[in-house]
């Protein structure tokens, strides 16, 4: 059984789903910070 088939058939533990959600929130936060930095740099030049 390949990895994706395995993921479809085996339930994912809630703690892993919660961790993924938190990591997505953090990624979004840092992406917005990065975008703000680039915008600020472009105004300075």
C-alpha atoms as a PDB file:
ATOM      1  CA  UNK A   1       0.000   0.000   0.000  1.00  0.00           C
ATOM      2  CA  UNK A   2       1.440   3.367  -0.953  1.00  0.00           C
ATOM      3  CA  UNK A   3       1.568   6.254   1.516  1.00  0.00           C
ATOM      4  CA  UNK A   4      -1.429   8.163   0.151  1.00  0.00           C
ATOM      5  CA  UNK A   5      -3.674   5.108   0.166  1.00  0.00           C
ATOM      6  CA  UNK A   6      -2.612   4.450   3.730  1.00  0.00           C
ATOM      7  CA  UNK A   7      -3.488   8.031   4.710  1.00  0.00           C
ATOM      8  CA  UNK A   8      -6.956   7.680   3.199  1.00  0.00           C
ATOM      9  CA  UNK A   9      -7.794   4.494   5.084  1.00  0.00           C
ATOM     10  CA  UNK A  10      -6.236   5.129   8.504  1.00  0.00           C
ATOM     11  CA  UNK A  11      -7.869   7.830  10.646  1.00  0.00           C
ATOM     12  CA  UNK A  12      -5.593  10.745  11.452  1.00  0.00           C
ATOM     13  CA  UNK A  13      -5.257  11.456  15.197  1.00  0.00           C
ATOM     14  CA  UNK A  14      -6.915  14.696  16.279  1.00  0.00           C
ATOM     15  CA  UNK A  15      -3.675  15.944  17.858  1.00  0.00           C
ATOM     16  CA  UNK A  16      -1.995  15.825  14.446  1.00  0.00           C
ATOM     17  CA  UNK A  17      -4.868  17.751  12.867  1.00  0.00           C
ATOM     18  CA  UNK A  18      -4.663  20.341  15.633  1.00  0.00           C
ATOM     19  CA  UNK A  19      -0.910  20.655  15.170  1.00  0.00           C
ATOM     20  CA  UNK A  20      -1.306  21.107  11.414  1.00  0.00           C
ATOM     21  CA  UNK A  21      -3.915  23.807  11.974  1.00  0.00           C
ATOM     22  CA  UNK A  22      -1.614  25.671  14.381  1.00  0.00           C
ATOM     23  CA  UNK A  23       1.312  25.395  11.967  1.00  0.00           C
ATOM     24  CA  UNK A  24      -0.834  26.799   9.154  1.00  0.00           C
ATOM     25  CA  UNK A  25      -1.787  29.746  11.368  1.00  0.00           C
ATOM     26  CA  UNK A  26       1.886  30.375  12.153  1.00  0.00           C
ATOM     27  CA  UNK A  27       2.856  30.094   8.479  1.00  0.00           C
ATOM     28  CA  UNK A  28       0.171  32.585   7.508  1.00  0.00           C
ATOM     29  CA  UNK A  29       1.313  34.987  10.240  1.00  0.00           C
ATOM     30  CA  UNK A  30       4.944  34.877   9.119  1.00  0.00           C
ATOM     31  CA  UNK A  31       3.983  35.150   5.456  1.00  0.00           C
ATOM     32  CA  UNK A  32       2.088  38.340   6.240  1.00  0.00           C
ATOM     33  CA  UNK A  33       5.065  39.698   8.194  1.00  0.00           C
ATOM     34  CA  UNK A  34       7.382  38.880   5.291  1.00  0.00           C
ATOM     35  CA  UNK A  35       5.044  40.608   2.828  1.00  0.00           C
ATOM     36  CA  UNK A  36       4.920  43.705   5.037  1.00  0.00           C
ATOM     37  CA  UNK A  37       8.727  43.818   5.140  1.00  0.00           C
ATOM     38  CA  UNK A  38       8.969  43.600   1.334  1.00  0.00           C
ATOM     39  CA  UNK A  39       6.391  46.374   0.942  1.00  0.00           C
ATOM     40  CA  UNK A  40       8.285  48.582   3.378  1.00  0.00           C
ATOM     41  CA  UNK A  41      11.582  47.921   1.570  1.00  0.00           C
ATOM     42  CA  UNK A  42      10.052  48.805  -1.803  1.00  0.00           C
ATOM     43  CA  UNK A  43       8.821  52.157  -0.422  1.00  0.00           C
ATOM     44  CA  UNK A  44      12.291  52.994   0.910  1.00  0.00           C
ATOM     45  CA  UNK A  45      14.082  52.437  -2.409  1.00  0.00           C
END
